[in-house]
Amino acid sequence: MNWGIAAKPKIPDYFPREKESRKVREFKRREEEILESSLLLFKTHGEDKITVEMIADSVGIGKGTIYKHFNSKSDIYIRLLENYELDLKALLETEDFSDPESLWRSYFGFRMGDPEQAILFGRLEDKLAKDSQYQQAIKNIHEVRSANMEILANLVDQRIASGKLEQVPAYFHLSASWALVHGALALHQSDYFQNYIEDKESFFEF
């Protein structure tokens, strides 16, 4: 029997899903802010001097919120390293292989465009590699790096076939390129060469 009382309207099913979607987006946005702030703090002050509380303060959130995203500062290290390799992978996969010189410049630009970051990431990887807790995470990062090196190896093989590079195994050329990058980064850290290299920006572009 209808007593004249309006039935309670049924909330469409899509509202809870929409609310959850916004929540997920907010979670991801905050996580990116944590990573960006952490990276800036690590580069500016050194990772050993930065605490989780300092990261939280820089983002404007509570310390406990950090732990909703990362179990420890080392977990932040891992995510930064993962993102770095994935960003390089995305760059290499979108570059035009018909212009090998452009792809090669993009690779060196990526590796040397931010020397402080590259030096930091090398240091973080060395630390994590010594911690048995992160062996699988480091292995995953190395798998992405190996995929990146495979893309570059294909490029090297093309240039060898065209006579533009010496006919030796591709990893010879890739290892030399890796050494070149790390040598340039070592110069960046050297007090002597900091004074010797007058135009540092042009040097790293070179």
N, C-alpha and C. Protein backbone atom coordinates (compact mmCIF):
# COMPACT_ATOMS: atom_id res chain seq x y z
N MET A 1 0.85 -1.19 0.00
CA MET A 1 0.00 0.00 0.00
C MET A 1 0.88 1.24 0.00
N ASN A 2 0.51 2.22 -0.80
CA ASN A 2 1.26 3.46 -0.88
C ASN A 2 0.69 4.46 0.10
N TRP A 3 1.43 4.83 1.13
CA TRP A 3 0.99 5.75 2.17
C TRP A 3 1.35 7.19 1.83
N GLY A 4 1.71 7.44 0.61
CA GLY A 4 2.03 8.81 0.21
C GLY A 4 3.45 9.23 0.54
N ILE A 5 4.25 8.26 0.97
CA ILE A 5 5.65 8.57 1.30
C ILE A 5 6.50 8.22 0.08
N ALA A 6 7.22 9.19 -0.38
CA ALA A 6 8.04 8.97 -1.57
C ALA A 6 9.12 7.94 -1.28
N ALA A 7 9.29 7.05 -2.21
CA ALA A 7 10.34 6.04 -2.06
C ALA A 7 11.71 6.71 -2.10
N LYS A 8 12.65 6.19 -1.32
CA LYS A 8 14.01 6.73 -1.30
C LYS A 8 14.67 6.48 -2.65
N PRO A 9 15.11 7.54 -3.30
CA PRO A 9 15.69 7.36 -4.64
C PRO A 9 16.91 6.45 -4.59
N LYS A 10 17.00 5.61 -5.59
CA LYS A 10 18.14 4.71 -5.69
C LYS A 10 19.31 5.44 -6.32
N ILE A 11 20.46 5.37 -5.67
CA ILE A 11 21.66 6.02 -6.20
C ILE A 11 22.22 5.16 -7.32
N PRO A 12 22.40 5.74 -8.49
CA PRO A 12 22.93 4.95 -9.62
C PRO A 12 24.26 4.31 -9.26
N ASP A 13 24.51 3.13 -9.84
CA ASP A 13 25.72 2.38 -9.53
C ASP A 13 26.99 3.13 -9.89
N TYR A 14 26.89 4.05 -10.88
CA TYR A 14 28.13 4.66 -11.34
C TYR A 14 28.70 5.67 -10.36
N PHE A 15 27.91 6.15 -9.40
CA PHE A 15 28.44 7.13 -8.46
C PHE A 15 29.57 6.58 -7.60
N PRO A 16 29.43 5.39 -6.99
CA PRO A 16 30.55 4.85 -6.20
C PRO A 16 31.81 4.66 -7.03
N ARG A 17 31.65 4.20 -8.27
CA ARG A 17 32.82 3.99 -9.12
C ARG A 17 33.50 5.31 -9.43
N GLU A 18 32.69 6.36 -9.67
CA GLU A 18 33.26 7.67 -9.96
C GLU A 18 34.02 8.21 -8.76
N LYS A 19 33.43 8.01 -7.55
CA LYS A 19 34.10 8.46 -6.34
C LYS A 19 35.42 7.73 -6.16
N GLU A 20 35.43 6.42 -6.41
CA GLU A 20 36.65 5.64 -6.28
C GLU A 20 37.69 6.10 -7.30
N SER A 21 37.24 6.42 -8.50
CA SER A 21 38.15 6.88 -9.54
C SER A 21 38.84 8.18 -9.13
N ARG A 22 38.07 9.10 -8.58
CA ARG A 22 38.66 10.36 -8.12
C ARG A 22 39.65 10.10 -6.99
N LYS A 23 39.33 9.16 -6.14
CA LYS A 23 40.21 8.83 -5.02
C LYS A 23 41.53 8.26 -5.53
N VAL A 24 41.44 7.41 -6.54
CA VAL A 24 42.65 6.83 -7.12
C VAL A 24 43.50 7.91 -7.78
N ARG A 25 42.83 8.81 -8.51
CA ARG A 25 43.57 9.89 -9.17
C ARG A 25 44.27 10.78 -8.14
N GLU A 26 43.59 11.07 -7.06
CA GLU A 26 44.18 11.89 -6.01
C GLU A 26 45.37 11.18 -5.37
N PHE A 27 45.23 9.87 -5.17
CA PHE A 27 46.31 9.07 -4.59
C PHE A 27 47.54 9.13 -5.49
N LYS A 28 47.33 8.97 -6.79
CA LYS A 28 48.45 8.99 -7.74
C LYS A 28 49.08 10.37 -7.82
N ARG A 29 48.24 11.40 -7.79
CA ARG A 29 48.76 12.77 -7.85
C ARG A 29 49.65 13.06 -6.64
N ARG A 30 49.17 12.64 -5.46
CA ARG A 30 49.95 12.88 -4.25
C ARG A 30 51.25 12.08 -4.28
N GLU A 31 51.19 10.88 -4.83
CA GLU A 31 52.40 10.06 -4.92
C GLU A 31 53.44 10.72 -5.82
N GLU A 32 52.98 11.31 -6.93
CA GLU A 32 53.90 12.02 -7.81
C GLU A 32 54.52 13.23 -7.10
N GLU A 33 53.73 13.91 -6.29
CA GLU A 33 54.26 15.05 -5.54
C GLU A 33 55.32 14.60 -4.54
N ILE A 34 55.10 13.46 -3.92
CA ILE A 34 56.08 12.91 -2.98
C ILE A 34 57.38 12.61 -3.71
N LEU A 35 57.28 11.98 -4.87
CA LEU A 35 58.48 11.62 -5.63
C LEU A 35 59.22 12.87 -6.12
N GLU A 36 58.48 13.85 -6.62
CA GLU A 36 59.11 15.07 -7.12
C GLU A 36 59.80 15.83 -6.00
N SER A 37 59.14 15.94 -4.86
CA SER A 37 59.75 16.65 -3.72
C SER A 37 60.96 15.89 -3.19
N SER A 38 60.84 14.57 -3.13
CA SER A 38 61.96 13.75 -2.66
C SER A 38 63.18 13.93 -3.56
N LEU A 39 62.95 13.88 -4.86
CA LEU A 39 64.06 14.01 -5.80
C LEU A 39 64.75 15.36 -5.64
N LEU A 40 63.97 16.41 -5.52
CA LEU A 40 64.56 17.75 -5.36
C LEU A 40 65.36 17.84 -4.06
N LEU A 41 64.82 17.30 -2.98
CA LEU A 41 65.52 17.34 -1.70
C LEU A 41 66.80 16.50 -1.74
N PHE A 42 66.73 15.32 -2.34
CA PHE A 42 67.91 14.45 -2.42
C PHE A 42 69.01 15.12 -3.24
N LYS A 43 68.63 15.76 -4.34
CA LYS A 43 69.62 16.42 -5.20
C LYS A 43 70.23 17.63 -4.51
N THR A 44 69.42 18.35 -3.76
CA THR A 44 69.87 19.60 -3.15
C THR A 44 70.69 19.37 -1.89
N HIS A 45 70.26 18.43 -1.07
CA HIS A 45 70.88 18.26 0.25
C HIS A 45 71.58 16.91 0.44
N GLY A 46 71.36 15.97 -0.48
CA GLY A 46 71.90 14.63 -0.29
C GLY A 46 70.89 13.75 0.42
N GLU A 47 70.73 12.54 -0.07
CA GLU A 47 69.68 11.67 0.45
C GLU A 47 69.86 11.31 1.92
N ASP A 48 71.11 11.25 2.39
CA ASP A 48 71.34 10.84 3.78
C ASP A 48 70.88 11.89 4.78
N LYS A 49 70.78 13.13 4.35
CA LYS A 49 70.38 14.21 5.25
C LYS A 49 68.87 14.43 5.27
N ILE A 50 68.17 13.74 4.38
CA ILE A 50 66.72 13.95 4.25
C ILE A 50 65.96 12.86 4.99
N THR A 51 64.99 13.27 5.80
CA THR A 51 64.15 12.33 6.52
C THR A 51 62.76 12.26 5.87
N VAL A 52 62.02 11.24 6.22
CA VAL A 52 60.64 11.12 5.72
C VAL A 52 59.81 12.31 6.17
N GLU A 53 60.06 12.78 7.39
CA GLU A 53 59.32 13.93 7.90
C GLU A 53 59.61 15.19 7.07
N MET A 54 60.85 15.35 6.64
CA MET A 54 61.20 16.51 5.81
C MET A 54 60.50 16.43 4.45
N ILE A 55 60.40 15.22 3.91
CA ILE A 55 59.69 15.04 2.64
C ILE A 55 58.22 15.40 2.81
N ALA A 56 57.63 14.92 3.90
CA ALA A 56 56.22 15.20 4.16
C ALA A 56 55.99 16.71 4.29
N ASP A 57 56.87 17.39 5.00
CA ASP A 57 56.74 18.84 5.17
C ASP A 57 56.81 19.57 3.83
N SER A 58 57.70 19.10 2.95
CA SER A 58 57.85 19.77 1.66
C SER A 58 56.62 19.59 0.77
N VAL A 59 55.91 18.48 0.96
CA VAL A 59 54.69 18.22 0.18
C VAL A 59 53.48 18.87 0.83
N GLY A 60 53.58 19.12 2.15
CA GLY A 60 52.46 19.69 2.88
C GLY A 60 51.48 18.65 3.37
N ILE A 61 52.00 17.47 3.71
CA ILE A 61 51.16 16.38 4.23
C ILE A 61 51.78 15.85 5.51
N GLY A 62 51.05 15.00 6.21
CA GLY A 62 51.56 14.40 7.42
C GLY A 62 52.54 13.28 7.12
N LYS A 63 53.43 13.02 8.06
CA LYS A 63 54.42 11.95 7.88
C LYS A 63 53.75 10.61 7.64
N GLY A 64 52.62 10.37 8.33
CA GLY A 64 51.92 9.10 8.17
C GLY A 64 51.40 8.89 6.76
N THR A 65 51.08 9.98 6.07
CA THR A 65 50.57 9.87 4.71
C THR A 65 51.64 9.32 3.77
N ILE A 66 52.89 9.67 4.03
CA ILE A 66 53.99 9.14 3.22
C ILE A 66 53.96 7.61 3.24
N TYR A 67 53.70 7.05 4.44
CA TYR A 67 53.75 5.60 4.59
C TYR A 67 52.54 4.89 3.98
N LYS A 68 51.55 5.66 3.54
CA LYS A 68 50.46 5.06 2.76
C LYS A 68 50.92 4.77 1.33
N HIS A 69 52.01 5.43 0.94
CA HIS A 69 52.53 5.29 -0.42
C HIS A 69 53.83 4.47 -0.45
N PHE A 70 54.69 4.69 0.53
CA PHE A 70 56.00 4.05 0.54
C PHE A 70 56.31 3.55 1.96
N ASN A 71 56.84 2.34 2.04
CA ASN A 71 57.15 1.77 3.36
C ASN A 71 58.38 2.40 4.00
N SER A 72 59.25 2.94 3.17
CA SER A 72 60.50 3.50 3.69
C SER A 72 61.08 4.47 2.66
N LYS A 73 62.12 5.16 3.07
CA LYS A 73 62.81 6.06 2.14
C LYS A 73 63.45 5.26 1.01
N SER A 74 63.89 4.05 1.32
CA SER A 74 64.49 3.20 0.28
C SER A 74 63.47 2.84 -0.80
N ASP A 75 62.21 2.69 -0.42
CA ASP A 75 61.17 2.43 -1.41
C ASP A 75 61.01 3.62 -2.36
N ILE A 76 61.23 4.81 -1.85
CA ILE A 76 61.20 6.00 -2.71
C ILE A 76 62.38 5.95 -3.67
N TYR A 77 63.55 5.54 -3.18
CA TYR A 77 64.71 5.38 -4.05
C TYR A 77 64.38 4.45 -5.23
N ILE A 78 63.78 3.31 -4.89
CA ILE A 78 63.46 2.31 -5.91
C ILE A 78 62.53 2.89 -6.96
N ARG A 79 61.49 3.59 -6.51
CA ARG A 79 60.53 4.13 -7.48
C ARG A 79 61.18 5.17 -8.38
N LEU A 80 62.06 5.99 -7.83
CA LEU A 80 62.76 6.98 -8.65
C LEU A 80 63.61 6.31 -9.71
N LEU A 81 64.31 5.25 -9.34
CA LEU A 81 65.15 4.52 -10.29
C LEU A 81 64.30 3.83 -11.36
N GLU A 82 63.19 3.24 -10.94
CA GLU A 82 62.28 2.60 -11.90
C GLU A 82 61.76 3.61 -12.91
N ASN A 83 61.31 4.75 -12.41
CA ASN A 83 60.75 5.78 -13.30
C ASN A 83 61.79 6.29 -14.29
N TYR A 84 63.03 6.40 -13.83
CA TYR A 84 64.11 6.88 -14.68
C TYR A 84 64.32 5.95 -15.87
N GLU A 85 64.40 4.65 -15.59
CA GLU A 85 64.60 3.68 -16.67
C GLU A 85 63.38 3.60 -17.58
N LEU A 86 62.19 3.69 -17.01
CA LEU A 86 60.97 3.64 -17.82
C LEU A 86 60.83 4.89 -18.69
N ASP A 87 61.26 6.03 -18.18
CA ASP A 87 61.23 7.26 -18.98
C ASP A 87 62.19 7.14 -20.17
N LEU A 88 63.36 6.56 -19.93
CA LEU A 88 64.31 6.36 -21.03
C LEU A 88 63.73 5.37 -22.05
N LYS A 89 63.09 4.33 -21.56
CA LYS A 89 62.47 3.34 -22.45
C LYS A 89 61.42 4.00 -23.34
N ALA A 90 60.59 4.85 -22.74
CA ALA A 90 59.55 5.55 -23.51
C ALA A 90 60.18 6.46 -24.56
N LEU A 91 61.28 7.12 -24.19
CA LEU A 91 61.97 8.00 -25.13
C LEU A 91 62.51 7.21 -26.31
N LEU A 92 63.19 6.10 -26.03
CA LEU A 92 63.79 5.31 -27.10
C LEU A 92 62.74 4.68 -28.00
N GLU A 93 61.61 4.32 -27.44
CA GLU A 93 60.56 3.67 -28.23
C GLU A 93 59.81 4.66 -29.12
N THR A 94 59.87 5.94 -28.79
CA THR A 94 59.15 6.93 -29.60
C THR A 94 60.06 7.63 -30.59
N GLU A 95 61.37 7.45 -30.46
CA GLU A 95 62.30 8.09 -31.39
C GLU A 95 62.25 7.40 -32.76
N ASP A 96 62.60 8.16 -33.78
CA ASP A 96 62.57 7.68 -35.16
C ASP A 96 63.91 7.02 -35.49
N PHE A 97 63.88 5.71 -35.73
CA PHE A 97 65.11 4.98 -36.03
C PHE A 97 65.68 5.35 -37.40
N SER A 98 64.88 6.03 -38.23
CA SER A 98 65.40 6.44 -39.53
C SER A 98 66.43 7.56 -39.38
N ASP A 99 66.49 8.15 -38.20
CA ASP A 99 67.47 9.20 -37.93
C ASP A 99 68.31 8.77 -36.72
N PRO A 100 69.28 7.88 -36.93
CA PRO A 100 70.07 7.35 -35.81
C PRO A 100 70.78 8.44 -35.01
N GLU A 101 71.25 9.47 -35.69
CA GLU A 101 71.96 10.53 -34.98
C GLU A 101 71.05 11.21 -33.97
N SER A 102 69.79 11.42 -34.36
CA SER A 102 68.84 12.07 -33.47
C SER A 102 68.56 11.21 -32.25
N LEU A 103 68.40 9.90 -32.47
CA LEU A 103 68.13 9.00 -31.35
C LEU A 103 69.33 8.97 -30.40
N TRP A 104 70.52 8.94 -30.97
CA TRP A 104 71.72 8.89 -30.13
C TRP A 104 71.87 10.17 -29.31
N ARG A 105 71.57 11.32 -29.95
CA ARG A 105 71.62 12.59 -29.22
C ARG A 105 70.58 12.60 -28.11
N SER A 106 69.41 12.03 -28.39
CA SER A 106 68.36 11.98 -27.37
C SER A 106 68.80 11.15 -26.17
N TYR A 107 69.49 10.05 -26.46
CA TYR A 107 69.98 9.19 -25.37
C TYR A 107 70.97 9.94 -24.49
N PHE A 108 71.97 10.56 -25.13
CA PHE A 108 72.97 11.28 -24.35
C PHE A 108 72.35 12.49 -23.65
N GLY A 109 71.40 13.13 -24.31
CA GLY A 109 70.72 14.26 -23.68
C GLY A 109 69.97 13.83 -22.43
N PHE A 110 69.35 12.67 -22.51
CA PHE A 110 68.61 12.15 -21.36
C PHE A 110 69.56 11.82 -20.22
N ARG A 111 70.66 11.15 -20.53
CA ARG A 111 71.59 10.70 -19.49
C ARG A 111 72.37 11.85 -18.87
N MET A 112 72.68 12.89 -19.67
CA MET A 112 73.57 13.94 -19.20
C MET A 112 72.89 15.29 -19.04
N GLY A 113 71.59 15.34 -19.32
CA GLY A 113 70.88 16.61 -19.23
C GLY A 113 70.77 17.13 -17.81
N ASP A 114 70.80 16.22 -16.84
CA ASP A 114 70.72 16.60 -15.42
C ASP A 114 71.80 15.82 -14.68
N PRO A 115 73.04 16.33 -14.67
CA PRO A 115 74.15 15.59 -14.07
C PRO A 115 73.93 15.24 -12.60
N GLU A 116 73.37 16.19 -11.83
CA GLU A 116 73.14 15.92 -10.40
C GLU A 116 72.20 14.74 -10.21
N GLN A 117 71.18 14.66 -11.05
CA GLN A 117 70.24 13.55 -10.94
C GLN A 117 70.91 12.23 -11.31
N ALA A 118 71.68 12.22 -12.39
CA ALA A 118 72.36 11.00 -12.81
C ALA A 118 73.33 10.51 -11.74
N ILE A 119 74.06 11.43 -11.14
CA ILE A 119 75.00 11.07 -10.07
C ILE A 119 74.24 10.52 -8.87
N LEU A 120 73.15 11.18 -8.51
CA LEU A 120 72.32 10.72 -7.40
C LEU A 120 71.81 9.31 -7.64
N PHE A 121 71.28 9.04 -8.84
CA PHE A 121 70.70 7.74 -9.12
C PHE A 121 71.76 6.64 -9.11
N GLY A 122 72.96 6.96 -9.58
CA GLY A 122 74.04 5.99 -9.51
C GLY A 122 74.37 5.63 -8.07
N ARG A 123 74.37 6.64 -7.22
CA ARG A 123 74.65 6.44 -5.80
C ARG A 123 73.55 5.62 -5.13
N LEU A 124 72.30 5.93 -5.45
CA LEU A 124 71.17 5.20 -4.86
C LEU A 124 71.19 3.73 -5.28
N GLU A 125 71.49 3.50 -6.54
CA GLU A 125 71.51 2.11 -7.01
C GLU A 125 72.61 1.31 -6.32
N ASP A 126 73.76 1.93 -6.12
CA ASP A 126 74.85 1.25 -5.41
C ASP A 126 74.43 0.88 -3.99
N LYS A 127 73.72 1.78 -3.33
CA LYS A 127 73.27 1.51 -1.96
C LYS A 127 72.28 0.35 -1.93
N LEU A 128 71.30 0.41 -2.81
CA LEU A 128 70.24 -0.60 -2.80
C LEU A 128 70.76 -1.97 -3.23
N ALA A 129 71.75 -1.98 -4.11
CA ALA A 129 72.30 -3.26 -4.58
C ALA A 129 72.97 -4.04 -3.46
N LYS A 130 73.38 -3.33 -2.41
CA LYS A 130 74.04 -3.98 -1.27
C LYS A 130 73.04 -4.47 -0.23
N ASP A 131 71.77 -4.14 -0.42
CA ASP A 131 70.72 -4.51 0.54
C ASP A 131 69.94 -5.70 -0.01
N SER A 132 70.02 -6.83 0.67
CA SER A 132 69.37 -8.05 0.18
C SER A 132 67.86 -7.89 0.04
N GLN A 133 67.28 -6.97 0.78
CA GLN A 133 65.84 -6.75 0.74
C GLN A 133 65.38 -6.23 -0.63
N TYR A 134 66.30 -5.61 -1.37
CA TYR A 134 65.91 -4.96 -2.63
C TYR A 134 66.51 -5.64 -3.86
N GLN A 135 66.97 -6.87 -3.70
CA GLN A 135 67.59 -7.56 -4.83
C GLN A 135 66.62 -7.76 -5.99
N GLN A 136 65.37 -8.13 -5.69
CA GLN A 136 64.39 -8.34 -6.76
C GLN A 136 64.04 -7.03 -7.45
N ALA A 137 63.92 -5.97 -6.66
CA ALA A 137 63.60 -4.66 -7.24
C ALA A 137 64.72 -4.19 -8.16
N ILE A 138 65.96 -4.40 -7.74
CA ILE A 138 67.11 -4.03 -8.58
C ILE A 138 67.13 -4.88 -9.84
N LYS A 139 66.80 -6.16 -9.70
CA LYS A 139 66.74 -7.05 -10.86
C LYS A 139 65.70 -6.55 -11.86
N ASN A 140 64.55 -6.10 -11.37
CA ASN A 140 63.50 -5.59 -12.26
C ASN A 140 63.98 -4.34 -13.00
N ILE A 141 64.69 -3.47 -12.29
CA ILE A 141 65.24 -2.26 -12.91
C ILE A 141 66.25 -2.64 -13.99
N HIS A 142 67.08 -3.62 -13.70
CA HIS A 142 68.08 -4.06 -14.68
C HIS A 142 67.43 -4.68 -15.92
N GLU A 143 66.29 -5.31 -15.74
CA GLU A 143 65.59 -5.89 -16.89
C GLU A 143 65.11 -4.79 -17.84
N VAL A 144 64.59 -3.70 -17.27
CA VAL A 144 64.17 -2.57 -18.11
C VAL A 144 65.39 -1.96 -18.79
N ARG A 145 66.48 -1.83 -18.03
CA ARG A 145 67.70 -1.27 -18.61
C ARG A 145 68.22 -2.15 -19.74
N SER A 146 68.14 -3.46 -19.56
CA SER A 146 68.60 -4.37 -20.62
C SER A 146 67.77 -4.20 -21.88
N ALA A 147 66.46 -3.97 -21.71
CA ALA A 147 65.59 -3.73 -22.87
C ALA A 147 66.01 -2.44 -23.57
N ASN A 148 66.36 -1.43 -22.78
CA ASN A 148 66.84 -0.17 -23.37
C ASN A 148 68.14 -0.38 -24.13
N MET A 149 69.03 -1.16 -23.54
CA MET A 149 70.31 -1.43 -24.20
C MET A 149 70.11 -2.22 -25.49
N GLU A 150 69.09 -3.08 -25.51
CA GLU A 150 68.81 -3.85 -26.72
C GLU A 150 68.37 -2.93 -27.86
N ILE A 151 67.58 -1.92 -27.53
CA ILE A 151 67.17 -0.93 -28.54
C ILE A 151 68.40 -0.22 -29.09
N LEU A 152 69.29 0.18 -28.19
CA LEU A 152 70.51 0.87 -28.62
C LEU A 152 71.43 -0.07 -29.40
N ALA A 153 71.46 -1.34 -29.00
CA ALA A 153 72.30 -2.31 -29.71
C ALA A 153 71.83 -2.47 -31.15
N ASN A 154 70.53 -2.47 -31.37
CA ASN A 154 69.99 -2.56 -32.73
C ASN A 154 70.43 -1.35 -33.56
N LEU A 155 70.44 -0.19 -32.91
CA LEU A 155 70.89 1.02 -33.60
C LEU A 155 72.37 0.91 -33.96
N VAL A 156 73.17 0.42 -33.02
CA VAL A 156 74.60 0.25 -33.27
C VAL A 156 74.83 -0.73 -34.42
N ASP A 157 74.08 -1.83 -34.43
CA ASP A 157 74.22 -2.82 -35.51
C ASP A 157 73.92 -2.20 -36.87
N GLN A 158 72.92 -1.33 -36.91
CA GLN A 158 72.59 -0.64 -38.17
C GLN A 158 73.76 0.22 -38.64
N ARG A 159 74.36 0.91 -37.70
CA ARG A 159 75.47 1.81 -38.06
C ARG A 159 76.72 1.03 -38.42
N ILE A 160 76.91 -0.13 -37.81
CA ILE A 160 78.03 -1.00 -38.20
C ILE A 160 77.81 -1.49 -39.63
N ALA A 161 76.57 -1.91 -39.92
CA ALA A 161 76.25 -2.43 -41.25
C ALA A 161 76.43 -1.36 -42.33
N SER A 162 76.19 -0.09 -41.96
CA SER A 162 76.33 0.99 -42.94
C SER A 162 77.77 1.49 -43.04
N GLY A 163 78.67 0.91 -42.24
CA GLY A 163 80.08 1.29 -42.29
C GLY A 163 80.43 2.52 -41.49
N LYS A 164 79.49 3.01 -40.66
CA LYS A 164 79.75 4.22 -39.89
C LYS A 164 80.39 3.94 -38.54
N LEU A 165 80.37 2.68 -38.12
CA LEU A 165 81.03 2.28 -36.88
C LEU A 165 81.90 1.06 -37.14
N GLU A 166 82.94 0.94 -36.34
CA GLU A 166 83.85 -0.20 -36.47
C GLU A 166 83.10 -1.50 -36.22
N GLN A 167 83.46 -2.53 -36.97
CA GLN A 167 82.76 -3.81 -36.86
C GLN A 167 83.30 -4.62 -35.69
N VAL A 168 82.75 -4.33 -34.54
CA VAL A 168 83.04 -5.07 -33.31
C VAL A 168 81.69 -5.35 -32.66
N PRO A 169 81.63 -6.21 -31.65
CA PRO A 169 80.34 -6.46 -30.99
C PRO A 169 79.69 -5.15 -30.52
N ALA A 170 78.37 -5.10 -30.63
CA ALA A 170 77.65 -3.87 -30.29
C ALA A 170 77.93 -3.43 -28.86
N TYR A 171 78.13 -4.40 -27.97
CA TYR A 171 78.34 -4.01 -26.57
C TYR A 171 79.67 -3.27 -26.37
N PHE A 172 80.62 -3.43 -27.30
CA PHE A 172 81.84 -2.63 -27.23
C PHE A 172 81.48 -1.14 -27.32
N HIS A 173 80.69 -0.80 -28.32
CA HIS A 173 80.30 0.59 -28.53
C HIS A 173 79.41 1.09 -27.38
N LEU A 174 78.49 0.24 -26.93
CA LEU A 174 77.59 0.66 -25.85
C LEU A 174 78.36 0.86 -24.54
N SER A 175 79.32 -0.01 -24.28
CA SER A 175 80.12 0.13 -23.06
C SER A 175 80.97 1.39 -23.12
N ALA A 176 81.49 1.70 -24.32
CA ALA A 176 82.26 2.93 -24.48
C ALA A 176 81.38 4.16 -24.25
N SER A 177 80.14 4.09 -24.74
CA SER A 177 79.21 5.20 -24.54
C SER A 177 78.87 5.36 -23.06
N TRP A 178 78.66 4.22 -22.39
CA TRP A 178 78.37 4.24 -20.95
C TRP A 178 79.54 4.87 -20.19
N ALA A 179 80.77 4.47 -20.58
CA ALA A 179 81.96 5.02 -19.92
C ALA A 179 82.09 6.52 -20.19
N LEU A 180 81.72 6.94 -21.40
CA LEU A 180 81.78 8.36 -21.74
C LEU A 180 80.85 9.17 -20.85
N VAL A 181 79.63 8.66 -20.67
CA VAL A 181 78.66 9.35 -19.82
C VAL A 181 79.17 9.45 -18.39
N HIS A 182 79.65 8.32 -17.86
CA HIS A 182 80.09 8.32 -16.47
C HIS A 182 81.37 9.12 -16.28
N GLY A 183 82.20 9.15 -17.32
CA GLY A 183 83.39 10.00 -17.26
C GLY A 183 83.02 11.47 -17.20
N ALA A 184 82.04 11.86 -18.00
CA ALA A 184 81.58 13.25 -17.98
C ALA A 184 80.97 13.61 -16.63
N LEU A 185 80.24 12.66 -16.04
CA LEU A 185 79.65 12.90 -14.73
C LEU A 185 80.73 13.01 -13.65
N ALA A 186 81.80 12.22 -13.80
CA ALA A 186 82.92 12.32 -12.85
C ALA A 186 83.58 13.69 -12.94
N LEU A 187 83.71 14.21 -14.16
CA LEU A 187 84.26 15.56 -14.33
C LEU A 187 83.37 16.59 -13.63
N HIS A 188 82.07 16.36 -13.72
CA HIS A 188 81.12 17.28 -13.10
C HIS A 188 81.32 17.34 -11.58
N GLN A 189 81.77 16.23 -11.00
CA GLN A 189 81.98 16.16 -9.55
C GLN A 189 83.36 16.64 -9.12
N SER A 190 84.27 16.77 -10.07
CA SER A 190 85.65 17.12 -9.75
C SER A 190 85.79 18.61 -9.45
N ASP A 191 86.37 18.93 -8.31
CA ASP A 191 86.59 20.33 -7.95
C ASP A 191 87.50 21.01 -8.98
N TYR A 192 88.52 20.28 -9.43
CA TYR A 192 89.45 20.87 -10.40
C TYR A 192 88.74 21.20 -11.70
N PHE A 193 88.00 20.22 -12.25
CA PHE A 193 87.36 20.45 -13.53
C PHE A 193 86.16 21.38 -13.43
N GLN A 194 85.61 21.52 -12.23
CA GLN A 194 84.56 22.52 -12.04
C GLN A 194 85.09 23.91 -12.38
N ASN A 195 86.35 24.14 -12.04
CA ASN A 195 86.98 25.43 -12.34
C ASN A 195 87.56 25.45 -13.75
N TYR A 196 88.05 24.30 -14.20
CA TYR A 196 88.71 24.23 -15.51
C TYR A 196 87.72 24.40 -16.66
N ILE A 197 86.53 23.80 -16.53
CA ILE A 197 85.52 23.88 -17.59
C ILE A 197 84.71 25.16 -17.38
N GLU A 198 84.98 26.15 -18.19
CA GLU A 198 84.34 27.45 -18.01
C GLU A 198 82.86 27.43 -18.37
N ASP A 199 82.52 26.77 -19.48
CA ASP A 199 81.14 26.74 -19.95
C ASP A 199 80.60 25.32 -19.76
N LYS A 200 80.10 25.04 -18.57
CA LYS A 200 79.67 23.67 -18.24
C LYS A 200 78.45 23.25 -19.06
N GLU A 201 77.53 24.16 -19.29
CA GLU A 201 76.33 23.82 -20.04
C GLU A 201 76.68 23.39 -21.46
N SER A 202 77.54 24.14 -22.12
CA SER A 202 77.94 23.79 -23.48
C SER A 202 78.75 22.51 -23.50
N PHE A 203 79.55 22.29 -22.45
CA PHE A 203 80.35 21.07 -22.38
C PHE A 203 79.46 19.84 -22.36
N PHE A 204 78.42 19.86 -21.54
CA PHE A 204 77.55 18.69 -21.45
C PHE A 204 76.70 18.53 -22.70
N GLU A 205 76.39 19.63 -23.37
CA GLU A 205 75.71 19.51 -24.66
C GLU A 205 76.63 18.89 -25.70
N PHE A 206 77.93 19.24 -25.61
CA PHE A 206 78.93 18.69 -26.53
C PHE A 206 79.05 17.18 -26.36
